[in-house]
Amino acid sequence: MARFDEIIKRAEGLGLPIAHNEFKDTKNSPAPDPPFLVWLSDENTSGPDNMIRIRTVDGALELYTDRRDDPDLEKRIEEEVFFDTEYEKQQGLIRNENMVQTAYMFTVVEKIRRENKNNE
C-alpha cells in the first residue's frame, strides 16, 4: 500500500488542477474550470512507545466534472492513483454548480520511526 504523500503525487501526475481542501477563487488566481481535483485529509497518530508511532490518514480525493460524470477520467484515477490502495467511491450531483463530484475515500496506515535523540 502506498503512503499518503505518494497517492497525492500520483494524483498531481494526472495533469489536472489540484488543491488541498479547496481552490481559493481570487482576482489574481481564479478557480479552475472542471475537471479538477481536491484532496482532503484527517490524521491520527498513536503508539505506546517513543520509537515507533502509527499514523492513520483518512483521505479523500474528489474529482469535479462539468455537468456529467467522466468514466474515462475515473478509470485513469483508479488505475494510476489507486492501483495499490483500497478505496470507496461515491458520486453525486452538485445542482447549483452544474457539476458532478466523484469522491474516492481511502485510509492509509503508516509506521513512523523516530530517531533516538539520546543515542541509547
PDB file of N, CA and C in Angstrom:
ATOM      1  N   MET A   1       0.841  -1.182   0.000  1.00  0.00           N
ATOM      2  CA  MET A   1       0.000   0.000   0.000  1.00  0.00           C
ATOM      3  C   MET A   1       0.885   1.244   0.000  1.00  0.00           C
ATOM      4  N   ALA A   2       0.450   2.240  -0.714  1.00  0.00           N
ATOM      5  CA  ALA A   2       1.205   3.480  -0.854  1.00  0.00           C
ATOM      6  C   ALA A   2       1.066   4.367   0.374  1.00  0.00           C
ATOM      7  N   ARG A   3       2.052   5.229   0.568  1.00  0.00           N
ATOM      8  CA  ARG A   3       1.972   6.255   1.602  1.00  0.00           C
ATOM      9  C   ARG A   3       1.043   7.362   1.110  1.00  0.00           C
ATOM     10  N   PHE A   4       0.514   8.139   2.041  1.00  0.00           N
ATOM     11  CA  PHE A   4      -0.428   9.204   1.692  1.00  0.00           C
ATOM     12  C   PHE A   4       0.188  10.188   0.701  1.00  0.00           C
ATOM     13  N   ASP A   5       1.426  10.628   0.965  1.00  0.00           N
ATOM     14  CA  ASP A   5       2.056  11.604   0.072  1.00  0.00           C
ATOM     15  C   ASP A   5       2.283  11.029  -1.326  1.00  0.00           C
ATOM     16  N   GLU A   6       2.498   9.722  -1.438  1.00  0.00           N
ATOM     17  CA  GLU A   6       2.650   9.095  -2.751  1.00  0.00           C
ATOM     18  C   GLU A   6       1.338   9.148  -3.535  1.00  0.00           C
ATOM     19  N   ILE A   7       0.233   8.922  -2.846  1.00  0.00           N
ATOM     20  CA  ILE A   7      -1.070   8.973  -3.509  1.00  0.00           C
ATOM     21  C   ILE A   7      -1.337  10.376  -4.052  1.00  0.00           C
ATOM     22  N   ILE A   8      -1.004  11.390  -3.271  1.00  0.00           N
ATOM     23  CA  ILE A   8      -1.208  12.777  -3.731  1.00  0.00           C
ATOM     24  C   ILE A   8      -0.297  13.083  -4.917  1.00  0.00           C
ATOM     25  N   LYS A   9       0.958  12.620  -4.887  1.00  0.00           N
ATOM     26  CA  LYS A   9       1.870  12.840  -6.023  1.00  0.00           C
ATOM     27  C   LYS A   9       1.341  12.170  -7.293  1.00  0.00           C
ATOM     28  N   ARG A  10       0.782  10.971  -7.146  1.00  0.00           N
ATOM     29  CA  ARG A  10       0.189  10.302  -8.308  1.00  0.00           C
ATOM     30  C   ARG A  10      -0.974  11.125  -8.862  1.00  0.00           C
ATOM     31  N   ALA A  11      -1.811  11.662  -7.970  1.00  0.00           N
ATOM     32  CA  ALA A  11      -2.939  12.485  -8.408  1.00  0.00           C
ATOM     33  C   ALA A  11      -2.436  13.736  -9.131  1.00  0.00           C
ATOM     34  N   GLU A  12      -1.375  14.341  -8.617  1.00  0.00           N
ATOM     35  CA  GLU A  12      -0.785  15.514  -9.279  1.00  0.00           C
ATOM     36  C   GLU A  12      -0.286  15.153 -10.669  1.00  0.00           C
ATOM     37  N   GLY A  13       0.192  13.916 -10.830  1.00  0.00           N
ATOM     38  CA  GLY A  13       0.713  13.455 -12.103  1.00  0.00           C
ATOM     39  C   GLY A  13      -0.342  13.287 -13.190  1.00  0.00           C
ATOM     40  N   LEU A  14      -1.608  13.359 -12.834  1.00  0.00           N
ATOM     41  CA  LEU A  14      -2.677  13.262 -13.829  1.00  0.00           C
ATOM     42  C   LEU A  14      -2.757  14.498 -14.713  1.00  0.00           C
ATOM     43  N   GLY A  15      -2.163  15.599 -14.253  1.00  0.00           N
ATOM     44  CA  GLY A  15      -2.148  16.825 -15.054  1.00  0.00           C
ATOM     45  C   GLY A  15      -3.369  17.712 -14.896  1.00  0.00           C
ATOM     46  N   LEU A  16      -4.237  17.394 -13.935  1.00  0.00           N
ATOM     47  CA  LEU A  16      -5.408  18.237 -13.665  1.00  0.00           C
ATOM     48  C   LEU A  16      -5.065  19.255 -12.583  1.00  0.00           C
ATOM     49  N   PRO A  17      -5.747  20.397 -12.551  1.00  0.00           N
ATOM     50  CA  PRO A  17      -5.571  21.305 -11.421  1.00  0.00           C
ATOM     51  C   PRO A  17      -5.937  20.555 -10.137  1.00  0.00           C
ATOM     52  N   ILE A  18      -5.143  20.761  -9.083  1.00  0.00           N
ATOM     53  CA  ILE A  18      -5.375  20.070  -7.819  1.00  0.00           C
ATOM     54  C   ILE A  18      -5.091  21.019  -6.665  1.00  0.00           C
ATOM     55  N   ALA A  19      -5.898  20.902  -5.603  1.00  0.00           N
ATOM     56  CA  ALA A  19      -5.726  21.767  -4.429  1.00  0.00           C
ATOM     57  C   ALA A  19      -6.031  20.973  -3.169  1.00  0.00           C
ATOM     58  N   HIS A  20      -5.456  21.420  -2.063  1.00  0.00           N
ATOM     59  CA  HIS A  20      -5.754  20.864  -0.744  1.00  0.00           C
ATOM     60  C   HIS A  20      -6.954  21.613  -0.174  1.00  0.00           C
ATOM     61  N   ASN A  21      -8.006  20.911   0.150  1.00  0.00           N
ATOM     62  CA  ASN A  21      -9.265  21.423   0.713  1.00  0.00           C
ATOM     63  C   ASN A  21     -10.133  22.178  -0.284  1.00  0.00           C
ATOM     64  N   GLU A  22      -9.602  23.186  -0.957  1.00  0.00           N
ATOM     65  CA  GLU A  22     -10.411  23.971  -1.895  1.00  0.00           C
ATOM     66  C   GLU A  22      -9.516  24.874  -2.718  1.00  0.00           C
ATOM     67  N   PHE A  23     -10.043  25.325  -3.835  1.00  0.00           N
ATOM     68  CA  PHE A  23      -9.375  26.355  -4.620  1.00  0.00           C
ATOM     69  C   PHE A  23      -9.842  27.697  -4.086  1.00  0.00           C
ATOM     70  N   LYS A  24      -8.920  28.599  -3.873  1.00  0.00           N
ATOM     71  CA  LYS A  24      -9.260  29.952  -3.441  1.00  0.00           C
ATOM     72  C   LYS A  24      -9.530  30.770  -4.700  1.00  0.00           C
ATOM     73  N   ASP A  25     -10.752  31.203  -4.875  1.00  0.00           N
ATOM     74  CA  ASP A  25     -11.152  31.964  -6.058  1.00  0.00           C
ATOM     75  C   ASP A  25     -10.895  33.444  -5.795  1.00  0.00           C
ATOM     76  N   THR A  26      -9.763  33.938  -6.310  1.00  0.00           N
ATOM     77  CA  THR A  26      -9.406  35.344  -6.121  1.00  0.00           C
ATOM     78  C   THR A  26      -9.252  36.019  -7.484  1.00  0.00           C
ATOM     79  N   LYS A  27      -9.128  37.315  -7.454  1.00  0.00           N
ATOM     80  CA  LYS A  27      -8.972  38.086  -8.687  1.00  0.00           C
ATOM     81  C   LYS A  27      -7.698  37.669  -9.430  1.00  0.00           C
ATOM     82  N   ASN A  28      -6.615  37.466  -8.688  1.00  0.00           N
ATOM     83  CA  ASN A  28      -5.334  37.111  -9.303  1.00  0.00           C
ATOM     84  C   ASN A  28      -5.212  35.616  -9.602  1.00  0.00           C
ATOM     85  N   SER A  29      -6.026  34.810  -8.965  1.00  0.00           N
ATOM     86  CA  SER A  29      -5.942  33.364  -9.143  1.00  0.00           C
ATOM     87  C   SER A  29      -7.354  32.763  -9.110  1.00  0.00           C
ATOM     88  N   PRO A  30      -8.054  32.833 -10.231  1.00  0.00           N
ATOM     89  CA  PRO A  30      -9.419  32.303 -10.249  1.00  0.00           C
ATOM     90  C   PRO A  30      -9.432  30.778 -10.145  1.00  0.00           C
ATOM     91  N   ALA A  31     -10.519  30.245  -9.610  1.00  0.00           N
ATOM     92  CA  ALA A  31     -10.679  28.796  -9.529  1.00  0.00           C
ATOM     93  C   ALA A  31     -10.733  28.234 -10.949  1.00  0.00           C
ATOM     94  N   PRO A  32     -10.180  27.033 -11.148  1.00  0.00           N
ATOM     95  CA  PRO A  32     -10.166  26.469 -12.499  1.00  0.00           C
ATOM     96  C   PRO A  32     -11.547  25.961 -12.922  1.00  0.00           C
ATOM     97  N   ASP A  33     -11.713  25.844 -14.216  1.00  0.00           N
ATOM     98  CA  ASP A  33     -12.898  25.186 -14.753  1.00  0.00           C
ATOM     99  C   ASP A  33     -12.717  23.677 -14.586  1.00  0.00           C
ATOM    100  N   PRO A  34     -13.815  22.935 -14.448  1.00  0.00           N
ATOM    101  CA  PRO A  34     -13.718  21.476 -14.353  1.00  0.00           C
ATOM    102  C   PRO A  34     -13.161  20.888 -15.653  1.00  0.00           C
ATOM    103  N   PRO A  35     -12.515  19.754 -15.597  1.00  0.00           N
ATOM    104  CA  PRO A  35     -12.336  18.908 -14.426  1.00  0.00           C
ATOM    105  C   PRO A  35     -11.165  19.379 -13.566  1.00  0.00           C
ATOM    106  N   PHE A  36     -11.315  19.166 -12.246  1.00  0.00           N
ATOM    107  CA  PHE A  36     -10.235  19.444 -11.313  1.00  0.00           C
ATOM    108  C   PHE A  36     -10.370  18.512 -10.115  1.00  0.00           C
ATOM    109  N   LEU A  37      -9.306  18.458  -9.303  1.00  0.00           N
ATOM    110  CA  LEU A  37      -9.253  17.588  -8.132  1.00  0.00           C
ATOM    111  C   LEU A  37      -9.067  18.401  -6.867  1.00  0.00           C
ATOM    112  N   VAL A  38      -9.647  17.913  -5.780  1.00  0.00           N
ATOM    113  CA  VAL A  38      -9.422  18.470  -4.446  1.00  0.00           C
ATOM    114  C   VAL A  38      -9.145  17.290  -3.529  1.00  0.00           C
ATOM    115  N   TRP A  39      -8.106  17.435  -2.681  1.00  0.00           N
ATOM    116  CA  TRP A  39      -7.843  16.370  -1.720  1.00  0.00           C
ATOM    117  C   TRP A  39      -7.994  16.884  -0.293  1.00  0.00           C
ATOM    118  N   LEU A  40      -8.468  15.973   0.568  1.00  0.00           N
ATOM    119  CA  LEU A  40      -8.723  16.278   1.975  1.00  0.00           C
ATOM    120  C   LEU A  40      -8.082  15.196   2.825  1.00  0.00           C
ATOM    121  N   SER A  41      -7.771  15.526   4.065  1.00  0.00           N
ATOM    122  CA  SER A  41      -7.205  14.505   4.947  1.00  0.00           C
ATOM    123  C   SER A  41      -7.528  14.804   6.401  1.00  0.00           C
ATOM    124  N   ASP A  42      -7.568  13.726   7.172  1.00  0.00           N
ATOM    125  CA  ASP A  42      -7.752  13.775   8.615  1.00  0.00           C
ATOM    126  C   ASP A  42      -6.762  12.774   9.182  1.00  0.00           C
ATOM    127  N   GLU A  43      -5.956  13.193  10.134  1.00  0.00           N
ATOM    128  CA  GLU A  43      -4.843  12.376  10.607  1.00  0.00           C
ATOM    129  C   GLU A  43      -4.943  12.081  12.093  1.00  0.00           C
ATOM    130  N   ASN A  44      -4.545  10.861  12.446  1.00  0.00           N
ATOM    131  CA  ASN A  44      -4.478  10.450  13.838  1.00  0.00           C
ATOM    132  C   ASN A  44      -3.151   9.720  14.034  1.00  0.00           C
ATOM    133  N   THR A  45      -2.383  10.126  15.037  1.00  0.00           N
ATOM    134  CA  THR A  45      -1.115   9.472  15.330  1.00  0.00           C
ATOM    135  C   THR A  45      -1.203   8.860  16.715  1.00  0.00           C
ATOM    136  N   SER A  46      -0.785   7.599  16.814  1.00  0.00           N
ATOM    137  CA  SER A  46      -0.831   6.901  18.092  1.00  0.00           C
ATOM    138  C   SER A  46       0.369   5.979  18.206  1.00  0.00           C
ATOM    139  N   GLY A  47       0.511   5.384  19.355  1.00  0.00           N
ATOM    140  CA  GLY A  47       1.587   4.422  19.575  1.00  0.00           C
ATOM    141  C   GLY A  47       2.131   4.553  20.976  1.00  0.00           C
ATOM    142  N   PRO A  48       2.342   3.415  21.626  1.00  0.00           N
ATOM    143  CA  PRO A  48       2.747   3.449  23.026  1.00  0.00           C
ATOM    144  C   PRO A  48       4.213   3.770  23.265  1.00  0.00           C
ATOM    145  N   ASP A  49       5.058   3.613  22.255  1.00  0.00           N
ATOM    146  CA  ASP A  49       6.462   3.911  22.559  1.00  0.00           C
ATOM    147  C   ASP A  49       6.947   5.106  21.755  1.00  0.00           C
ATOM    148  N   ASN A  50       8.069   5.631  22.162  1.00  0.00           N
ATOM    149  CA  ASN A  50       8.592   6.850  21.538  1.00  0.00           C
ATOM    150  C   ASN A  50       9.373   6.575  20.261  1.00  0.00           C
ATOM    151  N   MET A  51       9.621   5.311  19.949  1.00  0.00           N
ATOM    152  CA  MET A  51      10.429   4.990  18.779  1.00  0.00           C
ATOM    153  C   MET A  51       9.579   4.766  17.516  1.00  0.00           C
ATOM    154  N   ILE A  52       8.442   4.113  17.662  1.00  0.00           N
ATOM    155  CA  ILE A  52       7.583   3.848  16.511  1.00  0.00           C
ATOM    156  C   ILE A  52       6.186   4.353  16.817  1.00  0.00           C
ATOM    157  N   ARG A  53       5.694   5.180  15.931  1.00  0.00           N
ATOM    158  CA  ARG A  53       4.341   5.716  16.049  1.00  0.00           C
ATOM    159  C   ARG A  53       3.547   5.214  14.848  1.00  0.00           C
ATOM    160  N   ILE A  54       2.241   5.128  15.013  1.00  0.00           N
ATOM    161  CA  ILE A  54       1.355   4.726  13.930  1.00  0.00           C
ATOM    162  C   ILE A  54       0.558   5.953  13.489  1.00  0.00           C
ATOM    163  N   ARG A  55       0.651   6.267  12.219  1.00  0.00           N
ATOM    164  CA  ARG A  55      -0.066   7.413  11.641  1.00  0.00           C
ATOM    165  C   ARG A  55      -1.176   6.864  10.742  1.00  0.00           C
ATOM    166  N   THR A  56      -2.402   7.199  11.061  1.00  0.00           N
ATOM    167  CA  THR A  56      -3.549   6.798  10.248  1.00  0.00           C
ATOM    168  C   THR A  56      -4.102   8.043   9.574  1.00  0.00           C
ATOM    169  N   VAL A  57      -4.162   8.002   8.248  1.00  0.00           N
ATOM    170  CA  VAL A  57      -4.674   9.141   7.489  1.00  0.00           C
ATOM    171  C   VAL A  57      -5.926   8.687   6.746  1.00  0.00           C
ATOM    172  N   ASP A  58      -7.048   9.323   7.069  1.00  0.00           N
ATOM    173  CA  ASP A  58      -8.272   9.135   6.305  1.00  0.00           C
ATOM    174  C   ASP A  58      -8.285  10.234   5.251  1.00  0.00           C
ATOM    175  N   GLY A  59      -8.225   9.829   4.002  1.00  0.00           N
ATOM    176  CA  GLY A  59      -8.134  10.803   2.922  1.00  0.00           C
ATOM    177  C   GLY A  59      -9.293  10.706   1.953  1.00  0.00           C
ATOM    178  N   ALA A  60      -9.447  11.759   1.186  1.00  0.00           N
ATOM    179  CA  ALA A  60     -10.428  11.775   0.104  1.00  0.00           C
ATOM    180  C   ALA A  60      -9.821  12.525  -1.070  1.00  0.00           C
ATOM    181  N   LEU A  61     -10.019  11.971  -2.236  1.00  0.00           N
ATOM    182  CA  LEU A  61      -9.658  12.650  -3.475  1.00  0.00           C
ATOM    183  C   LEU A  61     -10.966  12.847  -4.226  1.00  0.00           C
ATOM    184  N   GLU A  62     -11.295  14.105  -4.487  1.00  0.00           N
ATOM    185  CA  GLU A  62     -12.571  14.438  -5.118  1.00  0.00           C
ATOM    186  C   GLU A  62     -12.333  14.961  -6.525  1.00  0.00           C
ATOM    187  N   LEU A  63     -13.010  14.348  -7.466  1.00  0.00           N
ATOM    188  CA  LEU A  63     -12.971  14.775  -8.861  1.00  0.00           C
ATOM    189  C   LEU A  63     -14.238  15.557  -9.149  1.00  0.00           C
ATOM    190  N   TYR A  64     -14.085  16.747  -9.694  1.00  0.00           N
ATOM    191  CA  TYR A  64     -15.227  17.574 -10.088  1.00  0.00           C
ATOM    192  C   TYR A  64     -15.227  17.687 -11.610  1.00  0.00           C
ATOM    193  N   THR A  65     -16.364  17.320 -12.215  1.00  0.00           N
ATOM    194  CA  THR A  65     -16.502  17.384 -13.657  1.00  0.00           C
ATOM    195  C   THR A  65     -17.719  18.258 -14.011  1.00  0.00           C
ATOM    196  N   ASP A  66     -17.721  18.727 -15.227  1.00  0.00           N
ATOM    197  CA  ASP A  66     -18.747  19.653 -15.709  1.00  0.00           C
ATOM    198  C   ASP A  66     -19.981  18.902 -16.202  1.00  0.00           C
ATOM    199  N   ARG A  67     -21.095  19.034 -15.505  1.00  0.00           N
ATOM    200  CA  ARG A  67     -22.428  18.560 -15.906  1.00  0.00           C
ATOM    201  C   ARG A  67     -22.661  17.057 -15.831  1.00  0.00           C
ATOM    202  N   ARG A  68     -21.642  16.238 -16.095  1.00  0.00           N
ATOM    203  CA  ARG A  68     -21.854  14.788 -16.054  1.00  0.00           C
ATOM    204  C   ARG A  68     -20.559  14.089 -15.635  1.00  0.00           C
ATOM    205  N   ASP A  69     -20.696  12.825 -15.297  1.00  0.00           N
ATOM    206  CA  ASP A  69     -19.516  12.075 -14.900  1.00  0.00           C
ATOM    207  C   ASP A  69     -18.614  11.830 -16.112  1.00  0.00           C
ATOM    208  N   ASP A  70     -17.365  11.441 -15.831  1.00  0.00           N
ATOM    209  CA  ASP A  70     -16.379  11.196 -16.880  1.00  0.00           C
ATOM    210  C   ASP A  70     -15.747   9.829 -16.623  1.00  0.00           C
ATOM    211  N   PRO A  71     -16.354   8.758 -17.150  1.00  0.00           N
ATOM    212  CA  PRO A  71     -15.855   7.406 -16.877  1.00  0.00           C
ATOM    213  C   PRO A  71     -14.395   7.191 -17.277  1.00  0.00           C
ATOM    214  N   ASP A  72     -13.938   7.821 -18.361  1.00  0.00           N
ATOM    215  CA  ASP A  72     -12.551   7.649 -18.778  1.00  0.00           C
ATOM    216  C   ASP A  72     -11.581   8.255 -17.762  1.00  0.00           C
ATOM    217  N   LEU A  73     -11.916   9.428 -17.255  1.00  0.00           N
ATOM    218  CA  LEU A  73     -11.075  10.074 -16.257  1.00  0.00           C
ATOM    219  C   LEU A  73     -11.122   9.304 -14.934  1.00  0.00           C
ATOM    220  N   GLU A  74     -12.280   8.800 -14.572  1.00  0.00           N
ATOM    221  CA  GLU A  74     -12.402   7.983 -13.366  1.00  0.00           C
ATOM    222  C   GLU A  74     -11.530   6.733 -13.484  1.00  0.00           C
ATOM    223  N   LYS A  75     -11.525   6.113 -14.642  1.00  0.00           N
ATOM    224  CA  LYS A  75     -10.692   4.923 -14.861  1.00  0.00           C
ATOM    225  C   LYS A  75      -9.215   5.267 -14.711  1.00  0.00           C
ATOM    226  N   ARG A  76      -8.789   6.417 -15.224  1.00  0.00           N
ATOM    227  CA  ARG A  76      -7.383   6.844 -15.062  1.00  0.00           C
ATOM    228  C   ARG A  76      -7.038   7.005 -13.588  1.00  0.00           C
ATOM    229  N   ILE A  77      -7.931   7.629 -12.821  1.00  0.00           N
ATOM    230  CA  ILE A  77      -7.678   7.814 -11.394  1.00  0.00           C
ATOM    231  C   ILE A  77      -7.551   6.455 -10.715  1.00  0.00           C
ATOM    232  N   GLU A  78      -8.457   5.563 -11.014  1.00  0.00           N
ATOM    233  CA  GLU A  78      -8.452   4.244 -10.377  1.00  0.00           C
ATOM    234  C   GLU A  78      -7.213   3.439 -10.759  1.00  0.00           C
ATOM    235  N   GLU A  79      -6.753   3.550 -12.001  1.00  0.00           N
ATOM    236  CA  GLU A  79      -5.594   2.777 -12.457  1.00  0.00           C
ATOM    237  C   GLU A  79      -4.254   3.435 -12.140  1.00  0.00           C
ATOM    238  N   GLU A  80      -4.195   4.769 -12.143  1.00  0.00           N
ATOM    239  CA  GLU A  80      -2.916   5.459 -11.960  1.00  0.00           C
ATOM    240  C   GLU A  80      -2.681   5.960 -10.536  1.00  0.00           C
ATOM    241  N   VAL A  81      -3.749   6.180  -9.783  1.00  0.00           N
ATOM    242  CA  VAL A  81      -3.601   6.707  -8.420  1.00  0.00           C
ATOM    243  C   VAL A  81      -3.843   5.619  -7.379  1.00  0.00           C
ATOM    244  N   PHE A  82      -4.893   4.855  -7.534  1.00  0.00           N
ATOM    245  CA  PHE A  82      -5.311   3.901  -6.504  1.00  0.00           C
ATOM    246  C   PHE A  82      -5.051   2.438  -6.859  1.00  0.00           C
ATOM    247  N   PHE A  83      -4.100   2.175  -7.751  1.00  0.00           N
ATOM    248  CA  PHE A  83      -3.873   0.804  -8.199  1.00  0.00           C
ATOM    249  C   PHE A  83      -3.439  -0.143  -7.075  1.00  0.00           C
ATOM    250  N   ASP A  84      -2.892   0.379  -5.977  1.00  0.00           N
ATOM    251  CA  ASP A  84      -2.461  -0.483  -4.870  1.00  0.00           C
ATOM    252  C   ASP A  84      -3.097  -0.081  -3.535  1.00  0.00           C
ATOM    253  N   THR A  85      -4.181   0.665  -3.603  1.00  0.00           N
ATOM    254  CA  THR A  85      -4.822   1.187  -2.398  1.00  0.00           C
ATOM    255  C   THR A  85      -6.325   0.924  -2.458  1.00  0.00           C
ATOM    256  N   GLU A  86      -6.868   0.419  -1.354  1.00  0.00           N
ATOM    257  CA  GLU A  86      -8.315   0.220  -1.283  1.00  0.00           C
ATOM    258  C   GLU A  86      -9.001   1.580  -1.148  1.00  0.00           C
ATOM    259  N   TYR A  87     -10.156   1.703  -1.765  1.00  0.00           N
ATOM    260  CA  TYR A  87     -10.910   2.955  -1.702  1.00  0.00           C
ATOM    261  C   TYR A  87     -12.395   2.658  -1.780  1.00  0.00           C
ATOM    262  N   GLU A  88     -13.164   3.636  -1.365  1.00  0.00           N
ATOM    263  CA  GLU A  88     -14.623   3.614  -1.534  1.00  0.00           C
ATOM    264  C   GLU A  88     -14.949   4.782  -2.449  1.00  0.00           C
ATOM    265  N   LYS A  89     -15.818   4.552  -3.405  1.00  0.00           N
ATOM    266  CA  LYS A  89     -16.152   5.576  -4.401  1.00  0.00           C
ATOM    267  C   LYS A  89     -17.612   5.969  -4.254  1.00  0.00           C
ATOM    268  N   GLN A  90     -17.855   7.279  -4.231  1.00  0.00           N
ATOM    269  CA  GLN A  90     -19.220   7.810  -4.185  1.00  0.00           C
ATOM    270  C   GLN A  90     -19.334   8.923  -5.209  1.00  0.00           C
ATOM    271  N   GLN A  91     -20.526   9.060  -5.764  1.00  0.00           N
ATOM    272  CA  GLN A  91     -20.726  10.085  -6.779  1.00  0.00           C
ATOM    273  C   GLN A  91     -22.021  10.842  -6.502  1.00  0.00           C
ATOM    274  N   GLY A  92     -21.986  12.136  -6.730  1.00  0.00           N
ATOM    275  CA  GLY A  92     -23.175  12.942  -6.514  1.00  0.00           C
ATOM    276  C   GLY A  92     -23.207  14.158  -7.422  1.00  0.00           C
ATOM    277  N   LEU A  93     -24.407  14.624  -7.666  1.00  0.00           N
ATOM    278  CA  LEU A  93     -24.626  15.799  -8.496  1.00  0.00           C
ATOM    279  C   LEU A  93     -24.659  17.043  -7.610  1.00  0.00           C
ATOM    280  N   ILE A  94     -23.951  18.080  -8.024  1.00  0.00           N
ATOM    281  CA  ILE A  94     -23.999  19.374  -7.344  1.00  0.00           C
ATOM    282  C   ILE A  94     -24.798  20.291  -8.270  1.00  0.00           C
ATOM    283  N   ARG A  95     -26.097  20.327  -8.048  1.00  0.00           N
ATOM    284  CA  ARG A  95     -27.003  21.015  -8.972  1.00  0.00           C
ATOM    285  C   ARG A  95     -26.717  22.509  -9.110  1.00  0.00           C
ATOM    286  N   ASN A  96     -26.505  23.202  -8.002  1.00  0.00           N
ATOM    287  CA  ASN A  96     -26.317  24.653  -8.073  1.00  0.00           C
ATOM    288  C   ASN A  96     -25.005  25.049  -8.753  1.00  0.00           C
ATOM    289  N   GLU A  97     -24.060  24.104  -8.865  1.00  0.00           N
ATOM    290  CA  GLU A  97     -22.797  24.382  -9.556  1.00  0.00           C
ATOM    291  C   GLU A  97     -22.751  23.738 -10.942  1.00  0.00           C
ATOM    292  N   ASN A  98     -23.778  22.935 -11.259  1.00  0.00           N
ATOM    293  CA  ASN A  98     -23.822  22.232 -12.539  1.00  0.00           C
ATOM    294  C   ASN A  98     -22.603  21.319 -12.719  1.00  0.00           C
ATOM    295  N   MET A  99     -22.258  20.609 -11.633  1.00  0.00           N
ATOM    296  CA  MET A  99     -21.094  19.724 -11.639  1.00  0.00           C
ATOM    297  C   MET A  99     -21.458  18.372 -11.037  1.00  0.00           C
ATOM    298  N   VAL A 100     -20.584  17.409 -11.286  1.00  0.00           N
ATOM    299  CA  VAL A 100     -20.662  16.099 -10.659  1.00  0.00           C
ATOM    300  C   VAL A 100     -19.405  15.916  -9.825  1.00  0.00           C
ATOM    301  N   GLN A 101     -19.582  15.441  -8.606  1.00  0.00           N
ATOM    302  CA  GLN A 101     -18.458  15.145  -7.717  1.00  0.00           C
ATOM    303  C   GLN A 101     -18.327  13.626  -7.617  1.00  0.00           C
ATOM    304  N   THR A 102     -17.141  13.130  -7.896  1.00  0.00           N
ATOM    305  CA  THR A 102     -16.820  11.728  -7.682  1.00  0.00           C
ATOM    306  C   THR A 102     -15.751  11.696  -6.614  1.00  0.00           C
ATOM    307  N   ALA A 103     -16.082  11.113  -5.450  1.00  0.00           N
ATOM    308  CA  ALA A 103     -15.176  11.114  -4.303  1.00  0.00           C
ATOM    309  C   ALA A 103     -14.618   9.721  -4.073  1.00  0.00           C
ATOM    310  N   TYR A 104     -13.316   9.673  -3.878  1.00  0.00           N
ATOM    311  CA  TYR A 104     -12.615   8.440  -3.531  1.00  0.00           C
ATOM    312  C   TYR A 104     -12.134   8.582  -2.091  1.00  0.00           C
ATOM    313  N   MET A 105     -12.699   7.791  -1.178  1.00  0.00           N
ATOM    314  CA  MET A 105     -12.291   7.821   0.219  1.00  0.00           C
ATOM    315  C   MET A 105     -11.370   6.635   0.475  1.00  0.00           C
ATOM    316  N   PHE A 106     -10.291   6.884   1.221  1.00  0.00           N
ATOM    317  CA  PHE A 106      -9.311   5.836   1.474  1.00  0.00           C
ATOM    318  C   PHE A 106      -8.644   6.080   2.820  1.00  0.00           C
ATOM    319  N   THR A 107      -8.051   5.022   3.360  1.00  0.00           N
ATOM    320  CA  THR A 107      -7.322   5.116   4.619  1.00  0.00           C
ATOM    321  C   THR A 107      -5.935   4.528   4.417  1.00  0.00           C
ATOM    322  N   VAL A 108      -4.939   5.249   4.904  1.00  0.00           N
ATOM    323  CA  VAL A 108      -3.553   4.804   4.827  1.00  0.00           C
ATOM    324  C   VAL A 108      -3.007   4.732   6.251  1.00  0.00           C
ATOM    325  N   VAL A 109      -2.359   3.614   6.576  1.00  0.00           N
ATOM    326  CA  VAL A 109      -1.728   3.444   7.885  1.00  0.00           C
ATOM    327  C   VAL A 109      -0.225   3.367   7.658  1.00  0.00           C
ATOM    328  N   GLU A 110       0.516   4.238   8.339  1.00  0.00           N
ATOM    329  CA  GLU A 110       1.963   4.313   8.163  1.00  0.00           C
ATOM    330  C   GLU A 110       2.658   4.169   9.505  1.00  0.00           C
ATOM    331  N   LYS A 111       3.813   3.494   9.512  1.00  0.00           N
ATOM    332  CA  LYS A 111       4.665   3.448  10.697  1.00  0.00           C
ATOM    333  C   LYS A 111       5.670   4.589  10.581  1.00  0.00           C
ATOM    334  N   ILE A 112       5.815   5.328  11.655  1.00  0.00           N
ATOM    335  CA  ILE A 112       6.770   6.435  11.686  1.00  0.00           C
ATOM    336  C   ILE A 112       7.836   6.078  12.711  1.00  0.00           C
ATOM    337  N   ARG A 113       9.062   5.906  12.253  1.00  0.00           N
ATOM    338  CA  ARG A 113      10.168   5.579  13.152  1.00  0.00           C
ATOM    339  C   ARG A 113      10.875   6.861  13.550  1.00  0.00           C
ATOM    340  N   ARG A 114      10.942   7.091  14.848  1.00  0.00           N
ATOM    341  CA  ARG A 114      11.620   8.287  15.355  1.00  0.00           C
ATOM    342  C   ARG A 114      13.039   7.938  15.717  1.00  0.00           C
ATOM    343  N   GLU A 115      13.952   8.874  15.467  1.00  0.00           N
ATOM    344  CA  GLU A 115      15.350   8.674  15.852  1.00  0.00           C
ATOM    345  C   GLU A 115      15.498   8.875  17.345  1.00  0.00           C
ATOM    346  N   ASN A 116      16.364   8.110  17.940  1.00  0.00           N
ATOM    347  CA  ASN A 116      16.636   8.227  19.357  1.00  0.00           C
ATOM    348  C   ASN A 116      17.569   9.420  19.567  1.00  0.00           C
ATOM    349  N   LYS A 117      17.086  10.445  20.240  1.00  0.00           N
ATOM    350  CA  LYS A 117      17.873  11.675  20.427  1.00  0.00           C
ATOM    351  C   LYS A 117      18.956  11.506  21.481  1.00  0.00           C
ATOM    352  N   ASN A 118      18.835  10.505  22.335  1.00  0.00           N
ATOM    353  CA  ASN A 118      19.804  10.294  23.398  1.00  0.00           C
ATOM    354  C   ASN A 118      20.866   9.275  23.007  1.00  0.00           C
ATOM    355  N   ASN A 119      20.847   8.796  21.764  1.00  0.00           N
ATOM    356  CA  ASN A 119      21.772   7.786  21.265  1.00  0.00           C
ATOM    357  C   ASN A 119      21.816   6.552  22.145  1.00  0.00           C
ATOM    358  N   GLU A 120      20.688   6.144  22.666  1.00  0.00           N
ATOM    359  CA  GLU A 120      20.637   4.967  23.515  1.00  0.00           C
ATOM    360  C   GLU A 120      20.574   3.709  22.707  1.00  0.00           C
TER     361      GLU A 120
END
